[in-house]
Amino acid sequence: YTPQQAMAGHIVAAHSRVQNGAWWTLSSMLTLMLIAGTIYGFGAWSPALKEAYDLDQETLEMLASASHIGNYVLMDSGLLTARFGTSFGMALGCAYACCGYLFLYISIVFYPQQIPIGFLIGACALYGHGCGTIDNAVMTESLADFKEYKGYANGCIKAYYGLATATIATIYQALFRPNKSMFLLFLAVYSFVAGCTLIPVIYYTRGLVDESERKVTKKFRLLTAGIILFAIYFFMLQLFKEDISQTWWQVVFSTILAGMAALFMLPMGGWGTAVRPKAKIPPPFDLQPDSDDSGDSSTVSSSSSSSSSSS
């Protein structure tokens, strides 16, 4: 196996158990990357933490730095992913993120001014580590499943990862404004629910992409176009957010859900039938004798004919 396949688990080296399974895996991983992208959403909920603990700006920046250190220092996550596979790495990342966000929510709502700053730093580092662990496992899986299309796959995943902050900010505007602490609870619940629903799909469907090059390229181009349109859409929302009423924010939230659901059109059977290479099965034995064997057989036949003539 290649290093990527070894990290992703032995089953990735084979084709998926389901038709277009690699696309089911990619769609699920893109949705899971919304959790990883929340590392850049610190500004959306940090005012609640600042108010609850009367923090100065330097302390707030220290908490943000702790989350980024947790996000980028991933040697342990890489080792665990290499040992137990990418599905384990994604589940571990979701658990880290859920626990970190939940601890911060409880600290703000139920124990304001009571939790030592060291524990808050640890919670920020924990959810940041969860975001990085998810990112690490997803990128490893995509390298194995789309080994002939690494540029397409990694580019789309990173682009969707970059849109995560805008997506999360829009969800906050639509559902939680101005309650920033409830937004923290949402991040914890989403990390848990997404992990429980999407990781089993990834584990069951992962495998090498098995469609023709033309169809794979076409799907990636459509996915790229969709990501670009959503990027423009989010930019316009942020540009005119002060003029959008709360009712219209609900409509915006519905369009985001529709866009996320549209990802799962990629593996649909209507896009084409899977093209899998036929396995070459060697014959149980060689029907043609080797050159050495032919010489031996001629010797045997000549000796047998001489013995019959002598008799």
Protein backbone atom coordinates (compact mmCIF):
# COMPACT_ATOMS: atom_id res chain seq x y z
CA TYR A 1 0.00 0.00 0.00
CA THR A 2 0.96 3.62 -0.42
CA PRO A 3 1.40 5.66 2.80
CA GLN A 4 -1.99 7.27 2.20
CA GLN A 5 -3.71 3.92 1.82
CA ALA A 6 -1.96 2.54 4.88
CA MET A 7 -3.16 5.47 6.99
CA ALA A 8 -6.69 5.24 5.63
CA GLY A 9 -7.06 1.53 6.39
CA HIS A 10 -6.64 -1.55 4.24
CA ILE A 11 -10.18 -1.50 2.81
CA VAL A 12 -9.47 1.78 1.00
CA ALA A 13 -7.08 -0.04 -1.31
CA ALA A 14 -10.07 -1.90 -2.76
CA HIS A 15 -13.24 -0.71 -4.45
CA SER A 16 -16.17 0.42 -2.34
CA ARG A 17 -18.89 -1.96 -1.23
CA VAL A 18 -21.52 0.24 -2.91
CA GLN A 19 -21.76 1.82 -6.33
CA ASN A 20 -20.20 5.30 -6.41
CA GLY A 21 -19.16 4.77 -2.81
CA ALA A 22 -16.24 7.20 -3.08
CA TRP A 23 -18.73 9.99 -3.83
CA TRP A 24 -20.83 9.11 -0.80
CA THR A 25 -17.62 9.31 1.21
CA LEU A 26 -16.63 12.67 -0.29
CA SER A 27 -20.09 14.20 0.25
CA SER A 28 -20.08 13.08 3.87
CA MET A 29 -16.54 14.34 4.46
CA LEU A 30 -17.37 17.76 2.99
CA THR A 31 -20.27 18.08 5.43
CA LEU A 32 -18.00 16.93 8.24
CA MET A 33 -15.47 19.62 7.32
CA LEU A 34 -17.94 22.24 8.54
CA ILE A 35 -16.90 21.17 12.04
CA ALA A 36 -13.21 21.53 11.20
CA GLY A 37 -13.85 25.00 9.77
CA THR A 38 -15.34 26.28 13.01
CA ILE A 39 -11.76 26.84 14.20
CA TYR A 40 -12.06 30.21 12.45
CA GLY A 41 -15.40 31.06 14.09
CA PHE A 42 -13.94 32.13 17.43
CA GLY A 43 -15.09 35.72 16.93
CA ALA A 44 -18.72 34.69 16.58
CA TRP A 45 -19.06 33.45 20.18
CA SER A 46 -16.03 34.85 22.06
CA PRO A 47 -17.91 38.01 23.21
CA ALA A 48 -20.05 35.74 25.41
CA LEU A 49 -16.93 34.30 27.01
CA LYS A 50 -15.41 37.75 27.42
CA GLU A 51 -18.54 39.05 29.14
CA ALA A 52 -19.03 36.03 31.41
CA TYR A 53 -15.44 36.12 32.69
CA ASP A 54 -14.65 39.81 32.28
CA LEU A 55 -11.63 39.01 30.13
CA ASP A 56 -9.31 41.60 28.66
CA GLN A 57 -8.30 41.51 25.02
CA GLU A 58 -4.91 39.91 25.69
CA THR A 59 -6.48 36.98 27.54
CA LEU A 60 -9.02 36.55 24.77
CA GLU A 61 -6.25 36.43 22.19
CA MET A 62 -4.44 33.85 24.33
CA LEU A 63 -7.54 31.63 24.25
CA ALA A 64 -7.74 32.02 20.47
CA SER A 65 -4.06 31.10 20.18
CA ALA A 66 -4.66 27.98 22.30
CA SER A 67 -7.32 26.82 19.84
CA HIS A 68 -4.95 27.32 16.90
CA ILE A 69 -2.11 25.51 18.65
CA GLY A 70 -4.47 22.59 19.23
CA ASN A 71 -5.48 22.76 15.57
CA TYR A 72 -1.96 22.57 14.16
CA VAL A 73 -0.11 20.32 16.62
CA LEU A 74 -1.42 16.97 15.41
CA MET A 75 1.32 14.41 15.83
CA ASP A 76 -0.82 12.30 18.17
CA SER A 77 -3.80 12.47 15.82
CA GLY A 78 -1.67 11.38 12.89
CA LEU A 79 -0.32 8.41 14.84
CA LEU A 80 -3.80 7.35 15.96
CA THR A 81 -5.18 7.70 12.44
CA ALA A 82 -2.30 5.63 11.09
CA ARG A 83 -2.91 2.95 13.72
CA PHE A 84 -6.70 2.75 13.72
CA GLY A 85 -7.80 4.27 10.40
CA THR A 86 -9.42 7.47 9.21
CA SER A 87 -12.90 6.70 10.55
CA PHE A 88 -11.45 6.51 14.04
CA GLY A 89 -9.62 9.79 13.47
CA MET A 90 -12.81 11.54 12.37
CA ALA A 91 -14.76 10.17 15.32
CA LEU A 92 -12.02 11.26 17.71
CA GLY A 93 -12.02 14.76 16.20
CA CYS A 94 -15.79 15.08 16.56
CA ALA A 95 -15.55 13.94 20.18
CA TYR A 96 -12.81 16.48 20.93
CA ALA A 97 -14.76 19.33 19.31
CA CYS A 98 -18.01 18.37 21.04
CA CYS A 99 -16.39 18.18 24.50
CA GLY A 100 -14.47 21.42 24.04
CA TYR A 101 -17.48 23.44 22.90
CA LEU A 102 -19.76 21.87 25.50
CA PHE A 103 -17.33 22.68 28.33
CA LEU A 104 -17.14 26.31 27.20
CA TYR A 105 -20.95 26.53 27.00
CA ILE A 106 -21.34 25.13 30.54
CA SER A 107 -18.62 27.47 31.82
CA ILE A 108 -20.40 30.52 30.40
CA VAL A 109 -24.01 29.66 31.25
CA PHE A 110 -23.79 27.76 34.54
CA TYR A 111 -20.46 28.71 36.10
CA PRO A 112 -19.56 32.28 35.09
CA GLN A 113 -16.46 33.64 36.82
CA GLN A 114 -15.91 30.24 38.50
CA ILE A 115 -13.83 28.16 36.10
CA PRO A 116 -10.05 28.76 36.27
CA ILE A 117 -8.54 30.29 33.16
CA GLY A 118 -6.33 27.24 32.68
CA PHE A 119 -9.40 25.05 32.10
CA LEU A 120 -10.76 27.53 29.56
CA ILE A 121 -7.44 27.43 27.73
CA GLY A 122 -7.60 23.64 27.78
CA ALA A 123 -11.14 23.64 26.38
CA CYS A 124 -10.12 25.95 23.53
CA ALA A 125 -7.12 23.77 22.75
CA LEU A 126 -9.37 20.69 22.84
CA TYR A 127 -11.94 21.90 20.34
CA GLY A 128 -9.12 23.23 18.14
CA HIS A 129 -7.44 19.84 18.31
CA GLY A 130 -10.71 18.23 17.28
CA CYS A 131 -10.98 20.50 14.24
CA GLY A 132 -7.43 19.65 13.21
CA THR A 133 -7.92 15.92 13.77
CA ILE A 134 -10.97 15.90 11.50
CA ASP A 135 -9.05 17.81 8.84
CA ASN A 136 -6.12 15.38 9.07
CA ALA A 137 -8.30 12.28 8.74
CA VAL A 138 -10.45 13.69 5.91
CA MET A 139 -7.45 14.71 3.82
CA THR A 140 -5.85 11.30 4.34
CA GLU A 141 -9.02 9.53 3.23
CA SER A 142 -9.43 11.71 0.14
CA LEU A 143 -5.84 11.02 -0.98
CA ALA A 144 -6.57 7.29 -0.92
CA ASP A 145 -10.06 7.33 -2.46
CA PHE A 146 -9.23 9.79 -5.25
CA LYS A 147 -5.58 8.93 -5.78
CA GLU A 148 -5.80 9.80 -9.50
CA TYR A 149 -7.66 13.06 -8.79
CA LYS A 150 -5.85 14.39 -5.71
CA GLY A 151 -5.81 17.99 -6.93
CA TYR A 152 -9.55 18.06 -7.58
CA ALA A 153 -10.48 16.33 -4.32
CA ASN A 154 -8.17 18.27 -2.03
CA GLY A 155 -8.99 21.58 -3.69
CA CYS A 156 -12.74 21.10 -3.23
CA ILE A 157 -12.33 19.93 0.37
CA LYS A 158 -10.15 22.91 1.30
CA ALA A 159 -12.49 25.32 -0.46
CA TYR A 160 -15.46 23.94 1.48
CA TYR A 161 -13.35 24.11 4.63
CA GLY A 162 -12.77 27.79 3.94
CA LEU A 163 -16.52 28.37 3.52
CA ALA A 164 -17.23 26.80 6.91
CA THR A 165 -16.78 30.05 8.81
CA ALA A 166 -19.18 31.90 6.52
CA THR A 167 -21.66 29.03 6.76
CA ILE A 168 -21.49 28.93 10.56
CA ALA A 169 -21.76 32.73 10.78
CA THR A 170 -24.85 32.65 8.58
CA ILE A 171 -26.43 29.93 10.72
CA TYR A 172 -25.76 32.10 13.78
CA GLN A 173 -27.43 35.10 12.13
CA ALA A 174 -30.44 33.00 11.16
CA LEU A 175 -31.05 31.03 14.36
CA PHE A 176 -29.13 32.33 17.37
CA ARG A 177 -28.55 36.08 17.16
CA PRO A 178 -27.98 37.68 19.65
CA ASN A 179 -27.61 34.64 21.97
CA LYS A 180 -23.95 33.72 21.47
CA SER A 181 -23.83 31.12 24.25
CA MET A 182 -26.57 29.06 22.58
CA PHE A 183 -24.47 29.16 19.44
CA LEU A 184 -21.74 27.36 21.39
CA LEU A 185 -24.24 24.68 22.34
CA PHE A 186 -25.21 24.34 18.69
CA LEU A 187 -21.55 23.77 17.73
CA ALA A 188 -21.27 21.02 20.35
CA VAL A 189 -24.50 19.32 19.27
CA TYR A 190 -23.64 19.57 15.56
CA SER A 191 -20.23 18.00 16.20
CA PHE A 192 -21.90 15.08 17.97
CA VAL A 193 -24.77 14.57 15.52
CA ALA A 194 -22.61 14.93 12.40
CA GLY A 195 -20.11 12.44 13.80
CA CYS A 196 -22.78 9.89 14.67
CA THR A 197 -24.53 10.12 11.28
CA LEU A 198 -21.77 10.75 8.74
CA ILE A 199 -18.84 8.69 9.99
CA PRO A 200 -20.71 5.34 9.66
CA VAL A 201 -21.53 6.33 6.07
CA ILE A 202 -17.86 7.09 5.40
CA TYR A 203 -16.74 3.82 6.99
CA TYR A 204 -19.18 1.74 4.93
CA THR A 205 -18.83 3.47 1.54
CA ARG A 206 -15.14 4.42 1.36
CA GLY A 207 -13.11 3.02 -1.49
CA LEU A 208 -11.43 3.91 -4.75
CA VAL A 209 -13.49 6.01 -7.16
CA ASP A 210 -14.69 3.66 -9.88
CA GLU A 211 -16.16 5.88 -12.61
CA SER A 212 -14.69 6.90 -15.93
CA GLU A 213 -12.32 9.87 -16.02
CA ARG A 214 -14.81 11.97 -17.98
CA LYS A 215 -17.56 11.54 -15.38
CA VAL A 216 -15.26 12.11 -12.42
CA THR A 217 -13.88 15.30 -13.97
CA LYS A 218 -17.39 16.52 -14.79
CA LYS A 219 -18.56 16.01 -11.21
CA PHE A 220 -15.58 17.84 -9.78
CA ARG A 221 -16.16 20.76 -12.12
CA LEU A 222 -19.81 20.96 -11.08
CA LEU A 223 -18.78 20.78 -7.43
CA THR A 224 -16.24 23.56 -7.96
CA ALA A 225 -18.85 25.74 -9.65
CA GLY A 226 -21.27 25.16 -6.77
CA ILE A 227 -18.65 26.12 -4.17
CA ILE A 228 -17.84 29.32 -6.08
CA LEU A 229 -21.53 30.26 -6.27
CA PHE A 230 -21.93 29.68 -2.54
CA ALA A 231 -18.85 31.81 -1.86
CA ILE A 232 -20.39 34.69 -3.80
CA TYR A 233 -23.71 34.09 -2.04
CA PHE A 234 -22.10 34.29 1.42
CA PHE A 235 -20.17 37.41 0.44
CA MET A 236 -23.38 39.17 -0.59
CA LEU A 237 -25.09 38.08 2.64
CA GLN A 238 -22.31 39.55 4.76
CA LEU A 239 -22.32 42.70 2.68
CA PHE A 240 -26.03 43.36 3.25
CA LYS A 241 -26.57 41.56 6.56
CA GLU A 242 -27.72 44.74 8.34
CA ASP A 243 -30.60 45.11 5.86
CA ILE A 244 -31.83 41.50 6.08
CA SER A 245 -34.73 40.87 8.42
CA GLN A 246 -34.86 37.86 10.75
CA THR A 247 -37.59 36.29 8.59
CA TRP A 248 -35.35 36.43 5.54
CA TRP A 249 -32.48 34.96 7.55
CA GLN A 250 -34.71 31.92 8.05
CA VAL A 251 -35.06 31.67 4.26
CA VAL A 252 -31.28 31.96 3.94
CA PHE A 253 -30.85 29.11 6.41
CA SER A 254 -33.17 26.96 4.28
CA THR A 255 -31.03 27.62 1.19
CA ILE A 256 -27.92 26.58 3.13
CA LEU A 257 -29.57 23.30 4.09
CA ALA A 258 -30.56 22.75 0.46
CA GLY A 259 -26.99 23.41 -0.64
CA MET A 260 -25.61 20.93 1.87
CA ALA A 261 -28.15 18.32 0.78
CA ALA A 262 -27.22 18.90 -2.87
CA LEU A 263 -23.78 17.46 -2.14
CA PHE A 264 -25.38 14.04 -1.87
CA MET A 265 -26.51 14.22 -5.49
CA LEU A 266 -22.92 13.43 -6.51
CA PRO A 267 -23.19 9.67 -5.89
CA MET A 268 -26.64 9.30 -7.37
CA GLY A 269 -26.98 6.50 -9.92
CA GLY A 270 -28.35 8.86 -12.55
CA TRP A 271 -24.86 10.25 -13.02
CA GLY A 272 -23.67 7.03 -14.59
CA THR A 273 -22.93 3.40 -13.93
CA ALA A 274 -19.76 2.45 -12.15
CA VAL A 275 -16.96 1.21 -14.40
CA ARG A 276 -14.87 -1.29 -12.49
CA PRO A 277 -11.83 -3.01 -13.95
CA LYS A 278 -12.16 -6.72 -14.49
CA ALA A 279 -9.90 -8.79 -12.33
CA LYS A 280 -7.40 -10.99 -14.17
CA ILE A 281 -7.65 -14.52 -12.80
CA PRO A 282 -4.63 -16.70 -13.64
CA PRO A 283 -5.33 -20.27 -14.80
CA PRO A 284 -4.87 -23.01 -12.20
CA PHE A 285 -2.00 -24.53 -14.22
CA ASP A 286 -0.10 -23.83 -17.40
CA LEU A 287 -1.52 -25.79 -20.33
CA GLN A 288 1.62 -25.34 -22.45
CA PRO A 289 4.70 -27.26 -21.25
CA ASP A 290 7.89 -25.35 -20.64
CA SER A 291 10.90 -25.89 -22.91
CA ASP A 292 12.64 -27.97 -20.26
CA ASP A 293 9.53 -30.07 -19.75
CA SER A 294 9.19 -30.70 -23.50
CA GLY A 295 12.74 -31.98 -23.63
CA ASP A 296 12.07 -34.34 -20.77
CA SER A 297 8.86 -35.62 -22.37
CA SER A 298 10.59 -36.32 -25.69
CA THR A 299 13.26 -38.27 -23.85
CA VAL A 300 10.63 -40.31 -22.08
CA SER A 301 8.73 -41.08 -25.31
CA SER A 302 11.94 -42.12 -27.18
CA SER A 303 12.99 -44.41 -24.38
CA SER A 304 9.54 -45.97 -24.25
CA SER A 305 9.52 -46.57 -28.03
CA SER A 306 12.99 -48.18 -27.89
CA SER A 307 11.88 -50.46 -25.14
CA SER A 308 8.85 -51.55 -27.15
CA SER A 309 10.99 -52.29 -30.25
CA SER A 310 13.41 -54.36 -28.22
CA SER A 311 10.58 -56.39 -26.86
